[in-house]
Amino acid sequence: ADQDEEEFGRLVVTAEDPSNALTAAKEATGAVPGRW
């Protein structure tokens, strides 16, 4: 309820390359590699 529309989405991590970003997404959110 307190999330402003302009702040939609929460930055979880920043990575230098796409591979590291996908790995970080898996670690932070439970994302599954074959489901992107």
Full PDB file with SEQRES, HELIX, SHEET, SSBOND, CRYST1, ORIGX, SCALE, CONECT and MASTER records, all heavy atoms in Angstrom:
SEQRES   1 A   36  ALA ASP GLN ASP GLU GLU GLU PHE GLY ARG LEU VAL VAL          
SEQRES   2 A   36  THR ALA GLU ASP PRO SER ASN ALA LEU THR ALA ALA LYS          
SEQRES   3 A   36  GLU ALA THR GLY ALA VAL PRO GLY ARG TRP                      
HELIX    1 AA1 GLU A    5  GLU A    7  5                                   3    
HELIX    2 AA2 PRO A   18  THR A   29  1                                  12    
HELIX    3 AA3 PRO A   33  ARG A   35  5                                   3    
CRYST1    1.000    1.000    1.000  90.00  90.00  90.00 P 1           1          
ORIGX1      1.000000  0.000000  0.000000        0.00000                         
ORIGX2      0.000000  1.000000  0.000000        0.00000                         
ORIGX3      0.000000  0.000000  1.000000        0.00000                         
SCALE1      1.000000  0.000000  0.000000        0.00000                         
SCALE2      0.000000  1.000000  0.000000        0.00000                         
SCALE3      0.000000  0.000000  1.000000        0.00000                         
ATOM      1  N   ALA A   1       0.811  -1.217   0.000  1.00  0.00           N  
ATOM      2  CA  ALA A   1       0.000   0.000   0.000  1.00  0.00           C  
ATOM      3  C   ALA A   1       0.847   1.271   0.000  1.00  0.00           C  
ATOM      4  O   ALA A   1       0.443   2.288  -0.544  1.00  0.00           O  
ATOM      5  CB  ALA A   1      -0.930   0.004   1.210  1.00  0.00           C  
ATOM      6  N   ASP A   2       2.051   1.199   0.568  1.00  0.00           N  
ATOM      7  CA  ASP A   2       2.895   2.387   0.646  1.00  0.00           C  
ATOM      8  C   ASP A   2       3.834   2.544  -0.540  1.00  0.00           C  
ATOM      9  O   ASP A   2       4.643   3.454  -0.586  1.00  0.00           O  
ATOM     10  CB  ASP A   2       3.702   2.382   1.942  1.00  0.00           C  
ATOM     11  CG  ASP A   2       4.644   1.186   2.036  1.00  0.00           C  
ATOM     12  OD1 ASP A   2       4.462   0.216   1.269  1.00  0.00           O  
ATOM     13  OD2 ASP A   2       5.553   1.216   2.877  1.00  0.00           O  
ATOM     14  N   GLN A   3       3.731   1.673  -1.534  1.00  0.00           N  
ATOM     15  CA  GLN A   3       4.623   1.725  -2.690  1.00  0.00           C  
ATOM     16  C   GLN A   3       4.090   2.729  -3.708  1.00  0.00           C  
ATOM     17  O   GLN A   3       2.980   2.591  -4.206  1.00  0.00           O  
ATOM     18  CB  GLN A   3       4.728   0.338  -3.314  1.00  0.00           C  
ATOM     19  CG  GLN A   3       5.795   0.211  -4.359  1.00  0.00           C  
ATOM     20  CD  GLN A   3       5.912  -1.225  -4.858  1.00  0.00           C  
ATOM     21  OE1 GLN A   3       4.956  -1.978  -4.878  1.00  0.00           O  
ATOM     22  NE2 GLN A   3       7.096  -1.586  -5.273  1.00  0.00           N  
ATOM     23  N   ASP A   4       4.857   3.744  -3.997  1.00  0.00           N  
ATOM     24  CA  ASP A   4       4.479   4.769  -4.954  1.00  0.00           C  
ATOM     25  C   ASP A   4       4.562   4.204  -6.363  1.00  0.00           C  
ATOM     26  O   ASP A   4       5.446   3.420  -6.687  1.00  0.00           O  
ATOM     27  CB  ASP A   4       5.423   5.965  -4.807  1.00  0.00           C  
ATOM     28  CG  ASP A   4       5.029   7.143  -5.665  1.00  0.00           C  
ATOM     29  OD1 ASP A   4       3.858   7.198  -6.107  1.00  0.00           O  
ATOM     30  OD2 ASP A   4       5.880   8.011  -5.882  1.00  0.00           O  
ATOM     31  N   GLU A   5       3.627   4.598  -7.210  1.00  0.00           N  
ATOM     32  CA  GLU A   5       3.601   4.091  -8.580  1.00  0.00           C  
ATOM     33  C   GLU A   5       4.902   4.375  -9.317  1.00  0.00           C  
ATOM     34  O   GLU A   5       5.358   3.575 -10.109  1.00  0.00           O  
ATOM     35  CB  GLU A   5       2.418   4.723  -9.319  1.00  0.00           C  
ATOM     36  CG  GLU A   5       1.868   3.844 -10.407  1.00  0.00           C  
ATOM     37  CD  GLU A   5       0.582   4.399 -10.973  1.00  0.00           C  
ATOM     38  OE1 GLU A   5      -0.369   4.610 -10.210  1.00  0.00           O  
ATOM     39  OE2 GLU A   5       0.556   4.626 -12.194  1.00  0.00           O  
ATOM     40  N   GLU A   6       5.522   5.514  -9.048  1.00  0.00           N  
ATOM     41  CA  GLU A   6       6.774   5.850  -9.716  1.00  0.00           C  
ATOM     42  C   GLU A   6       7.926   4.966  -9.250  1.00  0.00           C  
ATOM     43  O   GLU A   6       8.930   4.853  -9.920  1.00  0.00           O  
ATOM     44  CB  GLU A   6       7.114   7.324  -9.485  1.00  0.00           C  
ATOM     45  CG  GLU A   6       6.167   8.267 -10.187  1.00  0.00           C  
ATOM     46  CD  GLU A   6       6.519   9.713  -9.923  1.00  0.00           C  
ATOM     47  OE1 GLU A   6       7.677  10.005  -9.609  1.00  0.00           O  
ATOM     48  OE2 GLU A   6       5.619  10.554 -10.046  1.00  0.00           O  
ATOM     49  N   GLU A   7       7.784   4.358  -8.098  1.00  0.00           N  
ATOM     50  CA  GLU A   7       8.825   3.489  -7.562  1.00  0.00           C  
ATOM     51  C   GLU A   7       8.474   2.027  -7.791  1.00  0.00           C  
ATOM     52  O   GLU A   7       8.971   1.154  -7.101  1.00  0.00           O  
ATOM     53  CB  GLU A   7       8.991   3.757  -6.061  1.00  0.00           C  
ATOM     54  CG  GLU A   7       9.461   5.145  -5.747  1.00  0.00           C  
ATOM     55  CD  GLU A   7       9.487   5.403  -4.253  1.00  0.00           C  
ATOM     56  OE1 GLU A   7       9.384   4.465  -3.466  1.00  0.00           O  
ATOM     57  OE2 GLU A   7       9.615   6.575  -3.885  1.00  0.00           O  
ATOM     58  N   PHE A   8       7.606   1.777  -8.763  1.00  0.00           N  
ATOM     59  CA  PHE A   8       7.128   0.424  -9.007  1.00  0.00           C  
ATOM     60  C   PHE A   8       8.290  -0.515  -9.294  1.00  0.00           C  
ATOM     61  O   PHE A   8       9.138  -0.239 -10.125  1.00  0.00           O  
ATOM     62  CB  PHE A   8       6.155   0.421 -10.179  1.00  0.00           C  
ATOM     63  CG  PHE A   8       5.608  -0.927 -10.482  1.00  0.00           C  
ATOM     64  CD1 PHE A   8       4.818  -1.582  -9.559  1.00  0.00           C  
ATOM     65  CD2 PHE A   8       5.886  -1.541 -11.678  1.00  0.00           C  
ATOM     66  CE1 PHE A   8       4.304  -2.830  -9.831  1.00  0.00           C  
ATOM     67  CE2 PHE A   8       5.381  -2.787 -11.955  1.00  0.00           C  
ATOM     68  CZ  PHE A   8       4.588  -3.433 -11.029  1.00  0.00           C  
ATOM     69  N   GLY A   9       8.313  -1.579  -8.584  1.00  0.00           N  
ATOM     70  CA  GLY A   9       9.403  -2.535  -8.706  1.00  0.00           C  
ATOM     71  C   GLY A   9      10.512  -2.158  -7.757  1.00  0.00           C  
ATOM     72  O   GLY A   9      10.749  -0.989  -7.490  1.00  0.00           O  
ATOM     73  N   ARG A  10      11.135  -3.167  -7.217  1.00  0.00           N  
ATOM     74  CA  ARG A  10      12.225  -2.932  -6.267  1.00  0.00           C  
ATOM     75  C   ARG A  10      13.521  -3.450  -6.870  1.00  0.00           C  
ATOM     76  O   ARG A  10      13.612  -4.603  -7.258  1.00  0.00           O  
ATOM     77  CB  ARG A  10      11.930  -3.647  -4.952  1.00  0.00           C  
ATOM     78  CG  ARG A  10      12.983  -3.407  -3.894  1.00  0.00           C  
ATOM     79  CD  ARG A  10      12.522  -3.844  -2.523  1.00  0.00           C  
ATOM     80  NE  ARG A  10      12.056  -5.200  -2.449  1.00  0.00           N  
ATOM     81  CZ  ARG A  10      12.772  -6.217  -1.986  1.00  0.00           C  
ATOM     82  NH1 ARG A  10      14.002  -6.029  -1.553  1.00  0.00           N  
ATOM     83  NH2 ARG A  10      12.260  -7.418  -1.931  1.00  0.00           N  
ATOM     84  N   LEU A  11      14.497  -2.566  -6.972  1.00  0.00           N  
ATOM     85  CA  LEU A  11      15.814  -2.954  -7.476  1.00  0.00           C  
ATOM     86  C   LEU A  11      16.428  -3.925  -6.481  1.00  0.00           C  
ATOM     87  O   LEU A  11      16.590  -3.604  -5.308  1.00  0.00           O  
ATOM     88  CB  LEU A  11      16.708  -1.731  -7.664  1.00  0.00           C  
ATOM     89  CG  LEU A  11      18.132  -2.000  -8.142  1.00  0.00           C  
ATOM     90  CD1 LEU A  11      18.136  -2.650  -9.530  1.00  0.00           C  
ATOM     91  CD2 LEU A  11      18.935  -0.711  -8.152  1.00  0.00           C  
ATOM     92  N   VAL A  12      16.763  -5.113  -6.959  1.00  0.00           N  
ATOM     93  CA  VAL A  12      17.307  -6.154  -6.102  1.00  0.00           C  
ATOM     94  C   VAL A  12      18.823  -6.185  -6.185  1.00  0.00           C  
ATOM     95  O   VAL A  12      19.511  -6.298  -5.181  1.00  0.00           O  
ATOM     96  CB  VAL A  12      16.732  -7.536  -6.489  1.00  0.00           C  
ATOM     97  CG1 VAL A  12      17.328  -8.630  -5.649  1.00  0.00           C  
ATOM     98  CG2 VAL A  12      15.229  -7.536  -6.388  1.00  0.00           C  
ATOM     99  N   VAL A  13      19.345  -6.065  -7.397  1.00  0.00           N  
ATOM    100  CA  VAL A  13      20.785  -6.172  -7.592  1.00  0.00           C  
ATOM    101  C   VAL A  13      21.157  -5.572  -8.948  1.00  0.00           C  
ATOM    102  O   VAL A  13      20.321  -5.484  -9.843  1.00  0.00           O  
ATOM    103  CB  VAL A  13      21.249  -7.647  -7.493  1.00  0.00           C  
ATOM    104  CG1 VAL A  13      20.749  -8.457  -8.668  1.00  0.00           C  
ATOM    105  CG2 VAL A  13      22.738  -7.771  -7.343  1.00  0.00           C  
ATOM    106  N   THR A  14      22.393  -5.149  -9.057  1.00  0.00           N  
ATOM    107  CA  THR A  14      22.955  -4.679 -10.320  1.00  0.00           C  
ATOM    108  C   THR A  14      24.131  -5.580 -10.647  1.00  0.00           C  
ATOM    109  O   THR A  14      24.926  -5.918  -9.765  1.00  0.00           O  
ATOM    110  CB  THR A  14      23.426  -3.215 -10.196  1.00  0.00           C  
ATOM    111  OG1 THR A  14      22.304  -2.406  -9.827  1.00  0.00           O  
ATOM    112  CG2 THR A  14      24.000  -2.707 -11.495  1.00  0.00           C  
ATOM    113  N   ALA A  15      24.236  -5.974 -11.913  1.00  0.00           N  
ATOM    114  CA  ALA A  15      25.319  -6.863 -12.346  1.00  0.00           C  
ATOM    115  C   ALA A  15      25.980  -6.283 -13.584  1.00  0.00           C  
ATOM    116  O   ALA A  15      25.379  -5.507 -14.325  1.00  0.00           O  
ATOM    117  CB  ALA A  15      24.774  -8.255 -12.640  1.00  0.00           C  
ATOM    118  N   GLU A  16      27.211  -6.692 -13.819  1.00  0.00           N  
ATOM    119  CA  GLU A  16      27.977  -6.155 -14.941  1.00  0.00           C  
ATOM    120  C   GLU A  16      27.622  -6.774 -16.286  1.00  0.00           C  
ATOM    121  O   GLU A  16      27.804  -6.149 -17.320  1.00  0.00           O  
ATOM    122  CB  GLU A  16      29.474  -6.333 -14.683  1.00  0.00           C  
ATOM    123  CG  GLU A  16      29.985  -5.473 -13.552  1.00  0.00           C  
ATOM    124  CD  GLU A  16      31.488  -5.618 -13.350  1.00  0.00           C  
ATOM    125  OE1 GLU A  16      32.160  -6.230 -14.193  1.00  0.00           O  
ATOM    126  OE2 GLU A  16      31.969  -5.112 -12.331  1.00  0.00           O  
ATOM    127  N   ASP A  17      27.146  -8.017 -16.280  1.00  0.00           N  
ATOM    128  CA  ASP A  17      26.810  -8.662 -17.546  1.00  0.00           C  
ATOM    129  C   ASP A  17      25.529  -9.470 -17.387  1.00  0.00           C  
ATOM    130  O   ASP A  17      25.089  -9.742 -16.272  1.00  0.00           O  
ATOM    131  CB  ASP A  17      27.976  -9.528 -18.043  1.00  0.00           C  
ATOM    132  CG  ASP A  17      28.318 -10.654 -17.093  1.00  0.00           C  
ATOM    133  OD1 ASP A  17      27.458 -11.520 -16.854  1.00  0.00           O  
ATOM    134  OD2 ASP A  17      29.460 -10.667 -16.592  1.00  0.00           O  
ATOM    135  N   PRO A  18      24.917  -9.872 -18.502  1.00  0.00           N  
ATOM    136  CA  PRO A  18      23.624 -10.565 -18.421  1.00  0.00           C  
ATOM    137  C   PRO A  18      23.695 -11.895 -17.674  1.00  0.00           C  
ATOM    138  O   PRO A  18      22.775 -12.238 -16.940  1.00  0.00           O  
ATOM    139  CB  PRO A  18      23.214 -10.771 -19.875  1.00  0.00           C  
ATOM    140  CG  PRO A  18      24.329 -10.315 -20.722  1.00  0.00           C  
ATOM    141  CD  PRO A  18      25.330  -9.615 -19.870  1.00  0.00           C  
ATOM    142  N   SER A  19      24.757 -12.625 -17.837  1.00  0.00           N  
ATOM    143  CA  SER A  19      24.883 -13.915 -17.152  1.00  0.00           C  
ATOM    144  C   SER A  19      24.877 -13.735 -15.636  1.00  0.00           C  
ATOM    145  O   SER A  19      24.189 -14.463 -14.909  1.00  0.00           O  
ATOM    146  CB  SER A  19      26.160 -14.617 -17.608  1.00  0.00           C  
ATOM    147  OG  SER A  19      26.330 -15.830 -16.912  1.00  0.00           O  
ATOM    148  N   ASN A  20      25.652 -12.767 -15.152  1.00  0.00           N  
ATOM    149  CA  ASN A  20      25.680 -12.495 -13.717  1.00  0.00           C  
ATOM    150  C   ASN A  20      24.329 -11.977 -13.224  1.00  0.00           C  
ATOM    151  O   ASN A  20      23.920 -12.276 -12.103  1.00  0.00           O  
ATOM    152  CB  ASN A  20      26.776 -11.497 -13.370  1.00  0.00           C  
ATOM    153  CG  ASN A  20      28.158 -12.096 -13.471  1.00  0.00           C  
ATOM    154  OD1 ASN A  20      28.324 -13.315 -13.501  1.00  0.00           O  
ATOM    155  ND2 ASN A  20      29.158 -11.247 -13.540  1.00  0.00           N  
ATOM    156  N   ALA A  21      23.618 -11.216 -14.057  1.00  0.00           N  
ATOM    157  CA  ALA A  21      22.300 -10.713 -13.681  1.00  0.00           C  
ATOM    158  C   ALA A  21      21.315 -11.868 -13.519  1.00  0.00           C  
ATOM    159  O   ALA A  21      20.537 -11.895 -12.559  1.00  0.00           O  
ATOM    160  CB  ALA A  21      21.792  -9.723 -14.719  1.00  0.00           C  
ATOM    161  N   LEU A  22      21.353 -12.831 -14.425  1.00  0.00           N  
ATOM    162  CA  LEU A  22      20.449 -13.982 -14.321  1.00  0.00           C  
ATOM    163  C   LEU A  22      20.776 -14.830 -13.097  1.00  0.00           C  
ATOM    164  O   LEU A  22      19.876 -15.313 -12.402  1.00  0.00           O  
ATOM    165  CB  LEU A  22      20.498 -14.828 -15.595  1.00  0.00           C  
ATOM    166  CG  LEU A  22      19.985 -14.131 -16.854  1.00  0.00           C  
ATOM    167  CD1 LEU A  22      20.155 -15.034 -18.071  1.00  0.00           C  
ATOM    168  CD2 LEU A  22      18.539 -13.703 -16.690  1.00  0.00           C  
ATOM    169  N   THR A  23      22.059 -14.996 -12.813  1.00  0.00           N  
ATOM    170  CA  THR A  23      22.465 -15.737 -11.613  1.00  0.00           C  
ATOM    171  C   THR A  23      22.012 -15.007 -10.359  1.00  0.00           C  
ATOM    172  O   THR A  23      21.478 -15.619  -9.425  1.00  0.00           O  
ATOM    173  CB  THR A  23      23.994 -15.936 -11.596  1.00  0.00           C  
ATOM    174  OG1 THR A  23      24.360 -16.706 -12.750  1.00  0.00           O  
ATOM    175  CG2 THR A  23      24.445 -16.659 -10.344  1.00  0.00           C  
ATOM    176  N   ALA A  24      22.182 -13.704 -10.333  1.00  0.00           N  
ATOM    177  CA  ALA A  24      21.759 -12.908  -9.178  1.00  0.00           C  
ATOM    178  C   ALA A  24      20.241 -12.965  -9.015  1.00  0.00           C  
ATOM    179  O   ALA A  24      19.740 -13.036  -7.886  1.00  0.00           O  
ATOM    180  CB  ALA A  24      22.231 -11.468  -9.336  1.00  0.00           C  
ATOM    181  N   ALA A  25      19.510 -12.940 -10.124  1.00  0.00           N  
ATOM    182  CA  ALA A  25      18.049 -13.031 -10.053  1.00  0.00           C  
ATOM    183  C   ALA A  25      17.624 -14.379  -9.474  1.00  0.00           C  
ATOM    184  O   ALA A  25      16.699 -14.452  -8.662  1.00  0.00           O  
ATOM    185  CB  ALA A  25      17.447 -12.844 -11.438  1.00  0.00           C  
ATOM    186  N   LYS A  26      18.312 -15.427  -9.870  1.00  0.00           N  
ATOM    187  CA  LYS A  26      18.008 -16.752  -9.324  1.00  0.00           C  
ATOM    188  C   LYS A  26      18.231 -16.775  -7.821  1.00  0.00           C  
ATOM    189  O   LYS A  26      17.389 -17.247  -7.059  1.00  0.00           O  
ATOM    190  CB  LYS A  26      18.874 -17.806 -10.007  1.00  0.00           C  
ATOM    191  CG  LYS A  26      18.677 -19.198  -9.458  1.00  0.00           C  
ATOM    192  CD  LYS A  26      19.593 -20.188 -10.124  1.00  0.00           C  
ATOM    193  CE  LYS A  26      19.418 -21.557  -9.461  1.00  0.00           C  
ATOM    194  NZ  LYS A  26      20.395 -22.516  -9.947  1.00  0.00           N  
ATOM    195  N   GLU A  27      19.357 -16.248  -7.384  1.00  0.00           N  
ATOM    196  CA  GLU A  27      19.695 -16.249  -5.964  1.00  0.00           C  
ATOM    197  C   GLU A  27      18.752 -15.366  -5.145  1.00  0.00           C  
ATOM    198  O   GLU A  27      18.366 -15.714  -4.040  1.00  0.00           O  
ATOM    199  CB  GLU A  27      21.140 -15.805  -5.765  1.00  0.00           C  
ATOM    200  CG  GLU A  27      22.142 -16.801  -6.295  1.00  0.00           C  
ATOM    201  CD  GLU A  27      23.570 -16.275  -6.316  1.00  0.00           C  
ATOM    202  OE1 GLU A  27      23.810 -15.138  -5.880  1.00  0.00           O  
ATOM    203  OE2 GLU A  27      24.448 -17.021  -6.787  1.00  0.00           O  
ATOM    204  N   ALA A  28      18.367 -14.221  -5.683  1.00  0.00           N  
ATOM    205  CA  ALA A  28      17.568 -13.262  -4.927  1.00  0.00           C  
ATOM    206  C   ALA A  28      16.069 -13.552  -4.948  1.00  0.00           C  
ATOM    207  O   ALA A  28      15.369 -13.225  -3.995  1.00  0.00           O  
ATOM    208  CB  ALA A  28      17.817 -11.849  -5.461  1.00  0.00           C  
ATOM    209  N   THR A  29      15.575 -14.154  -6.031  1.00  0.00           N  
ATOM    210  CA  THR A  29      14.122 -14.300  -6.179  1.00  0.00           C  
ATOM    211  C   THR A  29      13.661 -15.732  -6.369  1.00  0.00           C  
ATOM    212  O   THR A  29      12.458 -15.982  -6.375  1.00  0.00           O  
ATOM    213  CB  THR A  29      13.616 -13.483  -7.376  1.00  0.00           C  
ATOM    214  OG1 THR A  29      14.084 -14.090  -8.593  1.00  0.00           O  
ATOM    215  CG2 THR A  29      14.049 -12.029  -7.291  1.00  0.00           C  
ATOM    216  N   GLY A  30      14.575 -16.658  -6.591  1.00  0.00           N  
ATOM    217  CA  GLY A  30      14.181 -18.034  -6.869  1.00  0.00           C  
ATOM    218  C   GLY A  30      13.862 -18.274  -8.332  1.00  0.00           C  
ATOM    219  O   GLY A  30      13.324 -19.319  -8.695  1.00  0.00           O  
ATOM    220  N   ALA A  31      14.166 -17.309  -9.200  1.00  0.00           N  
ATOM    221  CA  ALA A  31      13.907 -17.473 -10.634  1.00  0.00           C  
ATOM    222  C   ALA A  31      14.575 -18.744 -11.146  1.00  0.00           C  
ATOM    223  O   ALA A  31      15.661 -19.107 -10.705  1.00  0.00           O  
ATOM    224  CB  ALA A  31      14.416 -16.261 -11.402  1.00  0.00           C  
ATOM    225  N   VAL A  32      13.911 -19.400 -12.078  1.00  0.00           N  
ATOM    226  CA  VAL A  32      14.379 -20.666 -12.621  1.00  0.00           C  
ATOM    227  C   VAL A  32      15.028 -20.408 -13.987  1.00  0.00           C  
ATOM    228  O   VAL A  32      14.419 -19.766 -14.848  1.00  0.00           O  
ATOM    229  CB  VAL A  32      13.203 -21.652 -12.758  1.00  0.00           C  
ATOM    230  CG1 VAL A  32      13.642 -22.958 -13.376  1.00  0.00           C  
ATOM    231  CG2 VAL A  32      12.550 -21.881 -11.399  1.00  0.00           C  
ATOM    232  N   PRO A  33      16.257 -20.900 -14.203  1.00  0.00           N  
ATOM    233  CA  PRO A  33      16.972 -20.579 -15.443  1.00  0.00           C  
ATOM    234  C   PRO A  33      16.206 -20.844 -16.747  1.00  0.00           C  
ATOM    235  O   PRO A  33      16.241 -20.024 -17.645  1.00  0.00           O  
ATOM    236  CB  PRO A  33      18.232 -21.449 -15.355  1.00  0.00           C  
ATOM    237  CG  PRO A  33      18.467 -21.596 -13.890  1.00  0.00           C  
ATOM    238  CD  PRO A  33      17.097 -21.667 -13.270  1.00  0.00           C  
ATOM    239  N   GLY A  34      15.478 -21.907 -16.865  1.00  0.00           N  
ATOM    240  CA  GLY A  34      14.806 -22.228 -18.127  1.00  0.00           C  
ATOM    241  C   GLY A  34      13.458 -21.586 -18.330  1.00  0.00           C  
ATOM    242  O   GLY A  34      12.779 -21.865 -19.316  1.00  0.00           O  
ATOM    243  N   ARG A  35      13.055 -20.674 -17.452  1.00  0.00           N  
ATOM    244  CA  ARG A  35      11.699 -20.116 -17.528  1.00  0.00           C  
ATOM    245  C   ARG A  35      11.660 -18.632 -17.905  1.00  0.00           C  
ATOM    246  O   ARG A  35      10.611 -17.994 -17.826  1.00  0.00           O  
ATOM    247  CB  ARG A  35      10.991 -20.333 -16.201  1.00  0.00           C  
ATOM    248  CG  ARG A  35      10.880 -21.818 -15.858  1.00  0.00           C  
ATOM    249  CD  ARG A  35      10.038 -22.009 -14.658  1.00  0.00           C  
ATOM    250  NE  ARG A  35       8.688 -21.586 -14.970  1.00  0.00           N  
ATOM    251  CZ  ARG A  35       7.679 -22.418 -15.214  1.00  0.00           C  
ATOM    252  NH1 ARG A  35       7.873 -23.690 -15.166  1.00  0.00           N  
ATOM    253  NH2 ARG A  35       6.482 -21.959 -15.480  1.00  0.00           N  
ATOM    254  N   TRP A  36      12.768 -18.058 -18.322  1.00  0.00           N  
ATOM    255  CA  TRP A  36      12.791 -16.650 -18.717  1.00  0.00           C  
ATOM    256  C   TRP A  36      12.031 -16.457 -20.014  1.00  0.00           C  
ATOM    257  O   TRP A  36      12.066 -17.308 -20.905  1.00  0.00           O  
ATOM    258  CB  TRP A  36      14.230 -16.171 -18.877  1.00  0.00           C  
ATOM    259  CG  TRP A  36      14.938 -16.060 -17.572  1.00  0.00           C  
ATOM    260  CD1 TRP A  36      15.813 -16.960 -17.032  1.00  0.00           C  
ATOM    261  CD2 TRP A  36      14.820 -15.002 -16.625  1.00  0.00           C  
ATOM    262  NE1 TRP A  36      16.242 -16.524 -15.801  1.00  0.00           N  
ATOM    263  CE2 TRP A  36      15.655 -15.323 -15.522  1.00  0.00           C  
ATOM    264  CE3 TRP A  36      14.103 -13.814 -16.588  1.00  0.00           C  
ATOM    265  CZ2 TRP A  36      15.775 -14.500 -14.415  1.00  0.00           C  
ATOM    266  CZ3 TRP A  36      14.226 -12.994 -15.483  1.00  0.00           C  
ATOM    267  CH2 TRP A  36      15.057 -13.345 -14.415  1.00  0.00           C  
TER     268      TRP A  36                                                      
MASTER        0    0    0    3    0    0    0    6  267    1    0    3          
END                                                                             
